[in-house]
Amino acid sequence: ISYFDKIFFNQFKKNILSVNIGGISNFTFIPKDGDINKVTAFDCGPGNMLIDGAIQQLFNKSFDKDGINALKGNFSEKLFNFIKSHDSFVESKPPKSTGREHYNKIFLYIIYQSNMI
């Protein structure tokens, strides 16, 4: 649970779902009554980690500054479905956690081999 989310969002006295899209995306649910026992938080999948890895491999840059490369692309339903079908984390039941042990060069290699990018 994010201590910041609990303290900051509790003041609104509403059900809050806070989403953090960092290297790994995660969310925190804070109920309107603020009961710490009802707060739920867990990782929900890759955030910027995969795009950063792709930028490193394809363009030899550490990240996509200001989303310049991302702005040139389009959403691919076919690629999205391929990734979901090859991602065992999606089916994991919460609470769950993930990181570079799962979303890494091997994961990107599987995507590259799909010939969808």
N, C-alpha and C. Protein backbone atom coordinates (compact mmCIF):
# COMPACT_ATOMS: atom_id res chain seq x y z
N ILE A 1 0.85 -1.18 0.00
CA ILE A 1 0.00 0.00 0.00
C ILE A 1 0.89 1.24 0.00
N SER A 2 0.50 2.19 -0.80
CA SER A 2 1.23 3.45 -0.86
C SER A 2 0.79 4.33 0.31
N TYR A 3 1.73 4.64 1.15
CA TYR A 3 1.44 5.50 2.32
C TYR A 3 0.94 6.86 1.84
N PHE A 4 1.57 7.40 0.80
CA PHE A 4 1.13 8.69 0.26
C PHE A 4 -0.33 8.62 -0.17
N ASP A 5 -0.69 7.59 -0.96
CA ASP A 5 -2.08 7.45 -1.43
C ASP A 5 -3.04 7.40 -0.26
N LYS A 6 -2.73 6.61 0.74
CA LYS A 6 -3.61 6.46 1.91
C LYS A 6 -3.83 7.80 2.59
N ILE A 7 -2.77 8.54 2.86
CA ILE A 7 -2.87 9.81 3.56
C ILE A 7 -3.51 10.88 2.69
N PHE A 8 -3.04 11.04 1.47
CA PHE A 8 -3.53 12.11 0.61
C PHE A 8 -4.97 11.92 0.18
N PHE A 9 -5.32 10.73 -0.32
CA PHE A 9 -6.65 10.52 -0.88
C PHE A 9 -7.72 10.26 0.17
N ASN A 10 -7.35 9.89 1.36
CA ASN A 10 -8.33 9.64 2.41
C ASN A 10 -9.14 10.90 2.72
N GLN A 11 -8.57 12.07 2.50
CA GLN A 11 -9.23 13.33 2.82
C GLN A 11 -10.50 13.56 2.00
N PHE A 12 -10.64 12.90 0.85
CA PHE A 12 -11.77 13.16 -0.03
C PHE A 12 -13.04 12.41 0.37
N LYS A 13 -12.90 11.42 1.23
CA LYS A 13 -14.04 10.64 1.72
C LYS A 13 -14.87 10.07 0.57
N LYS A 14 -14.18 9.60 -0.46
CA LYS A 14 -14.78 8.95 -1.62
C LYS A 14 -13.97 7.70 -1.91
N ASN A 15 -14.56 6.75 -2.60
CA ASN A 15 -13.78 5.63 -3.10
C ASN A 15 -12.80 6.18 -4.14
N ILE A 16 -11.53 5.85 -3.98
CA ILE A 16 -10.49 6.36 -4.87
C ILE A 16 -9.71 5.18 -5.44
N LEU A 17 -9.44 5.24 -6.74
CA LEU A 17 -8.54 4.30 -7.38
C LEU A 17 -7.40 5.13 -7.96
N SER A 18 -6.24 5.01 -7.34
CA SER A 18 -5.05 5.74 -7.76
C SER A 18 -4.19 4.83 -8.63
N VAL A 19 -3.86 5.29 -9.85
CA VAL A 19 -3.07 4.50 -10.77
C VAL A 19 -1.70 5.16 -10.95
N ASN A 20 -0.66 4.36 -10.81
CA ASN A 20 0.71 4.83 -10.99
C ASN A 20 1.30 4.07 -12.18
N ILE A 21 1.62 4.81 -13.24
CA ILE A 21 2.25 4.17 -14.40
C ILE A 21 3.73 4.55 -14.38
N GLY A 22 4.49 3.74 -13.67
CA GLY A 22 5.94 3.92 -13.64
C GLY A 22 6.55 2.83 -14.50
N GLY A 23 7.65 2.26 -14.06
CA GLY A 23 8.24 1.13 -14.77
C GLY A 23 7.26 -0.03 -14.79
N ILE A 24 6.66 -0.27 -13.64
CA ILE A 24 5.57 -1.24 -13.49
C ILE A 24 4.33 -0.47 -13.06
N SER A 25 3.20 -0.74 -13.70
CA SER A 25 1.96 -0.06 -13.33
C SER A 25 1.37 -0.74 -12.10
N ASN A 26 0.82 0.08 -11.23
CA ASN A 26 0.16 -0.46 -10.05
C ASN A 26 -0.98 0.47 -9.66
N PHE A 27 -1.85 -0.05 -8.84
CA PHE A 27 -2.92 0.81 -8.36
C PHE A 27 -3.16 0.58 -6.88
N THR A 28 -3.78 1.59 -6.30
CA THR A 28 -4.19 1.52 -4.90
C THR A 28 -5.66 1.92 -4.83
N PHE A 29 -6.46 1.09 -4.20
CA PHE A 29 -7.87 1.42 -3.95
C PHE A 29 -8.00 1.82 -2.49
N ILE A 30 -8.54 3.03 -2.26
CA ILE A 30 -8.78 3.52 -0.91
C ILE A 30 -10.29 3.69 -0.75
N PRO A 31 -10.91 2.96 0.17
CA PRO A 31 -12.36 3.09 0.34
C PRO A 31 -12.71 4.42 1.00
N LYS A 32 -13.93 4.88 0.75
CA LYS A 32 -14.33 6.19 1.26
C LYS A 32 -14.31 6.27 2.78
N ASP A 33 -14.45 5.12 3.46
CA ASP A 33 -14.40 5.16 4.93
C ASP A 33 -12.97 5.17 5.47
N GLY A 34 -11.97 5.03 4.56
CA GLY A 34 -10.57 5.11 4.96
C GLY A 34 -10.07 3.92 5.76
N ASP A 35 -10.86 2.86 5.86
CA ASP A 35 -10.46 1.69 6.65
C ASP A 35 -9.23 1.03 6.02
N ILE A 36 -8.13 1.07 6.73
CA ILE A 36 -6.86 0.53 6.23
C ILE A 36 -6.97 -0.95 5.87
N ASN A 37 -7.87 -1.67 6.52
CA ASN A 37 -8.05 -3.10 6.23
C ASN A 37 -8.75 -3.35 4.91
N LYS A 38 -9.35 -2.32 4.34
CA LYS A 38 -10.04 -2.44 3.06
C LYS A 38 -9.22 -1.89 1.90
N VAL A 39 -8.09 -1.29 2.20
CA VAL A 39 -7.23 -0.75 1.15
C VAL A 39 -6.62 -1.92 0.38
N THR A 40 -6.63 -1.79 -0.94
CA THR A 40 -6.06 -2.82 -1.81
C THR A 40 -5.05 -2.17 -2.73
N ALA A 41 -3.89 -2.80 -2.87
CA ALA A 41 -2.87 -2.27 -3.78
C ALA A 41 -2.06 -3.43 -4.35
N PHE A 42 -1.81 -3.38 -5.64
CA PHE A 42 -0.94 -4.39 -6.26
C PHE A 42 -0.53 -3.96 -7.66
N ASP A 43 0.52 -4.59 -8.16
CA ASP A 43 0.98 -4.35 -9.52
C ASP A 43 -0.03 -4.91 -10.50
N CYS A 44 -0.22 -4.19 -11.62
CA CYS A 44 -1.18 -4.68 -12.61
C CYS A 44 -0.54 -4.94 -13.97
N GLY A 45 0.77 -4.73 -14.10
CA GLY A 45 1.45 -5.06 -15.35
C GLY A 45 2.53 -4.06 -15.69
N PRO A 46 3.10 -4.20 -16.88
CA PRO A 46 4.19 -3.30 -17.25
C PRO A 46 3.68 -1.89 -17.50
N GLY A 47 4.49 -0.93 -17.14
CA GLY A 47 4.20 0.46 -17.46
C GLY A 47 5.18 0.89 -18.53
N ASN A 48 6.13 1.71 -18.14
CA ASN A 48 7.12 2.20 -19.09
C ASN A 48 8.31 1.26 -19.28
N MET A 49 8.38 0.21 -18.49
CA MET A 49 9.53 -0.69 -18.54
C MET A 49 9.74 -1.29 -19.93
N LEU A 50 8.68 -1.73 -20.57
CA LEU A 50 8.83 -2.36 -21.88
C LEU A 50 9.17 -1.34 -22.97
N ILE A 51 8.54 -0.18 -22.94
CA ILE A 51 8.86 0.83 -23.95
C ILE A 51 10.29 1.32 -23.76
N ASP A 52 10.74 1.45 -22.50
CA ASP A 52 12.13 1.85 -22.26
C ASP A 52 13.09 0.80 -22.80
N GLY A 53 12.77 -0.47 -22.58
CA GLY A 53 13.61 -1.55 -23.10
C GLY A 53 13.65 -1.56 -24.62
N ALA A 54 12.52 -1.32 -25.25
CA ALA A 54 12.47 -1.28 -26.71
C ALA A 54 13.26 -0.09 -27.25
N ILE A 55 13.13 1.05 -26.62
CA ILE A 55 13.86 2.25 -27.04
C ILE A 55 15.37 2.00 -26.93
N GLN A 56 15.76 1.32 -25.85
CA GLN A 56 17.18 1.03 -25.67
C GLN A 56 17.70 0.13 -26.78
N GLN A 57 16.94 -0.90 -27.10
CA GLN A 57 17.38 -1.87 -28.11
C GLN A 57 17.27 -1.33 -29.54
N LEU A 58 16.21 -0.59 -29.83
CA LEU A 58 15.96 -0.14 -31.20
C LEU A 58 16.64 1.18 -31.56
N PHE A 59 16.79 2.07 -30.56
CA PHE A 59 17.30 3.41 -30.85
C PHE A 59 18.54 3.79 -30.05
N ASN A 60 19.01 2.85 -29.22
CA ASN A 60 20.20 3.08 -28.39
C ASN A 60 20.05 4.33 -27.50
N LYS A 61 18.85 4.54 -26.99
CA LYS A 61 18.58 5.62 -26.04
C LYS A 61 18.04 4.99 -24.77
N SER A 62 18.19 5.67 -23.65
CA SER A 62 17.77 5.07 -22.38
C SER A 62 16.25 5.12 -22.17
N PHE A 63 15.57 6.07 -22.80
CA PHE A 63 14.11 6.15 -22.70
C PHE A 63 13.58 7.03 -23.83
N ASP A 64 12.28 7.05 -23.99
CA ASP A 64 11.62 7.81 -25.06
C ASP A 64 11.29 9.21 -24.52
N LYS A 65 12.29 10.11 -24.57
CA LYS A 65 12.12 11.45 -24.01
C LYS A 65 10.93 12.16 -24.66
N ASP A 66 10.04 12.63 -23.81
CA ASP A 66 8.83 13.34 -24.21
C ASP A 66 7.92 12.51 -25.11
N GLY A 67 8.12 11.19 -25.15
CA GLY A 67 7.27 10.31 -25.94
C GLY A 67 7.38 10.54 -27.44
N ILE A 68 8.52 11.06 -27.89
CA ILE A 68 8.70 11.40 -29.31
C ILE A 68 8.46 10.20 -30.22
N ASN A 69 9.03 9.04 -29.88
CA ASN A 69 8.83 7.84 -30.70
C ASN A 69 7.41 7.30 -30.55
N ALA A 70 6.90 7.33 -29.35
CA ALA A 70 5.54 6.82 -29.11
C ALA A 70 4.50 7.62 -29.91
N LEU A 71 4.72 8.91 -30.05
CA LEU A 71 3.79 9.75 -30.80
C LEU A 71 3.71 9.38 -32.27
N LYS A 72 4.72 8.72 -32.77
CA LYS A 72 4.76 8.31 -34.18
C LYS A 72 4.00 7.01 -34.43
N GLY A 73 3.65 6.31 -33.37
CA GLY A 73 3.04 5.00 -33.51
C GLY A 73 1.53 5.02 -33.39
N ASN A 74 0.94 3.86 -33.54
CA ASN A 74 -0.50 3.66 -33.40
C ASN A 74 -0.74 2.46 -32.50
N PHE A 75 -1.88 2.43 -31.85
CA PHE A 75 -2.25 1.29 -31.03
C PHE A 75 -2.52 0.10 -31.93
N SER A 76 -1.99 -1.06 -31.58
CA SER A 76 -2.21 -2.28 -32.34
C SER A 76 -2.98 -3.27 -31.47
N GLU A 77 -4.22 -3.47 -31.80
CA GLU A 77 -5.05 -4.44 -31.08
C GLU A 77 -4.46 -5.84 -31.20
N LYS A 78 -3.95 -6.15 -32.38
CA LYS A 78 -3.36 -7.47 -32.63
C LYS A 78 -2.13 -7.69 -31.74
N LEU A 79 -1.25 -6.71 -31.65
CA LEU A 79 -0.06 -6.81 -30.79
C LEU A 79 -0.46 -6.86 -29.33
N PHE A 80 -1.41 -6.03 -28.94
CA PHE A 80 -1.89 -6.01 -27.56
C PHE A 80 -2.42 -7.39 -27.16
N ASN A 81 -3.22 -7.99 -28.01
CA ASN A 81 -3.77 -9.32 -27.71
C ASN A 81 -2.67 -10.39 -27.68
N PHE A 82 -1.67 -10.26 -28.56
CA PHE A 82 -0.55 -11.19 -28.55
C PHE A 82 0.18 -11.11 -27.20
N ILE A 83 0.48 -9.90 -26.77
CA ILE A 83 1.19 -9.72 -25.49
C ILE A 83 0.37 -10.30 -24.34
N LYS A 84 -0.92 -9.99 -24.30
CA LYS A 84 -1.77 -10.53 -23.23
C LYS A 84 -1.79 -12.05 -23.24
N SER A 85 -1.80 -12.65 -24.42
CA SER A 85 -1.86 -14.10 -24.51
C SER A 85 -0.54 -14.77 -24.10
N HIS A 86 0.56 -14.01 -24.11
CA HIS A 86 1.87 -14.55 -23.74
C HIS A 86 2.36 -14.04 -22.38
N ASP A 87 1.47 -13.43 -21.64
CA ASP A 87 1.85 -12.83 -20.36
C ASP A 87 1.16 -13.56 -19.22
N SER A 88 1.89 -14.43 -18.55
CA SER A 88 1.32 -15.20 -17.44
C SER A 88 0.92 -14.33 -16.26
N PHE A 89 1.52 -13.15 -16.13
CA PHE A 89 1.19 -12.27 -15.01
C PHE A 89 -0.27 -11.81 -15.07
N VAL A 90 -0.79 -11.66 -16.27
CA VAL A 90 -2.17 -11.19 -16.45
C VAL A 90 -3.15 -12.09 -15.71
N GLU A 91 -2.91 -13.39 -15.73
CA GLU A 91 -3.81 -14.35 -15.10
C GLU A 91 -3.57 -14.54 -13.60
N SER A 92 -2.48 -13.97 -13.08
CA SER A 92 -2.19 -14.10 -11.64
C SER A 92 -3.27 -13.40 -10.83
N LYS A 93 -3.61 -13.99 -9.71
CA LYS A 93 -4.63 -13.40 -8.84
C LYS A 93 -3.97 -12.44 -7.84
N PRO A 94 -4.62 -11.31 -7.58
CA PRO A 94 -4.08 -10.36 -6.60
C PRO A 94 -4.19 -10.90 -5.18
N PRO A 95 -3.39 -10.42 -4.29
CA PRO A 95 -2.37 -9.39 -4.53
C PRO A 95 -1.20 -10.00 -5.28
N LYS A 96 -0.59 -9.18 -6.14
CA LYS A 96 0.51 -9.68 -6.95
C LYS A 96 1.54 -8.58 -7.17
N SER A 97 2.74 -9.02 -7.47
CA SER A 97 3.83 -8.09 -7.69
C SER A 97 4.69 -8.61 -8.83
N THR A 98 5.28 -7.69 -9.58
CA THR A 98 6.14 -8.08 -10.70
C THR A 98 7.21 -7.04 -10.92
N GLY A 99 8.11 -7.33 -11.83
CA GLY A 99 9.20 -6.40 -12.12
C GLY A 99 10.06 -6.92 -13.24
N ARG A 100 11.34 -6.59 -13.19
CA ARG A 100 12.28 -6.97 -14.25
C ARG A 100 12.50 -8.47 -14.36
N GLU A 101 12.15 -9.21 -13.33
CA GLU A 101 12.30 -10.67 -13.42
C GLU A 101 11.31 -11.24 -14.44
N HIS A 102 10.26 -10.49 -14.75
CA HIS A 102 9.25 -10.96 -15.71
C HIS A 102 9.28 -10.12 -16.99
N TYR A 103 9.28 -8.81 -16.85
CA TYR A 103 9.26 -7.90 -18.01
C TYR A 103 10.69 -7.45 -18.30
N ASN A 104 11.36 -8.21 -19.17
CA ASN A 104 12.78 -8.01 -19.41
C ASN A 104 13.09 -8.22 -20.89
N LYS A 105 14.37 -8.39 -21.21
CA LYS A 105 14.80 -8.58 -22.61
C LYS A 105 14.20 -9.84 -23.23
N ILE A 106 14.01 -10.86 -22.43
CA ILE A 106 13.41 -12.10 -22.96
C ILE A 106 11.96 -11.85 -23.35
N PHE A 107 11.23 -11.13 -22.50
CA PHE A 107 9.83 -10.79 -22.81
C PHE A 107 9.78 -9.97 -24.09
N LEU A 108 10.67 -8.97 -24.21
CA LEU A 108 10.72 -8.16 -25.43
C LEU A 108 11.09 -9.00 -26.65
N TYR A 109 11.99 -9.95 -26.48
CA TYR A 109 12.41 -10.81 -27.58
C TYR A 109 11.20 -11.59 -28.14
N ILE A 110 10.37 -12.08 -27.25
CA ILE A 110 9.16 -12.80 -27.68
C ILE A 110 8.27 -11.88 -28.51
N ILE A 111 8.17 -10.63 -28.10
CA ILE A 111 7.37 -9.66 -28.86
C ILE A 111 8.02 -9.41 -30.22
N TYR A 112 9.33 -9.20 -30.24
CA TYR A 112 10.03 -8.97 -31.51
C TYR A 112 9.83 -10.15 -32.46
N GLN A 113 9.90 -11.37 -31.92
CA GLN A 113 9.76 -12.57 -32.75
C GLN A 113 8.36 -12.71 -33.34
N SER A 114 7.40 -12.02 -32.78
CA SER A 114 6.02 -12.10 -33.28
C SER A 114 5.87 -11.42 -34.63
N ASN A 115 6.87 -10.61 -35.00
CA ASN A 115 6.83 -9.83 -36.26
C ASN A 115 5.65 -8.88 -36.35
N MET A 116 5.19 -8.43 -35.20
CA MET A 116 4.08 -7.47 -35.19
C MET A 116 4.55 -6.04 -34.97
N ILE A 117 5.86 -5.88 -34.77
CA ILE A 117 6.39 -4.51 -34.62
C ILE A 117 7.45 -4.25 -35.66
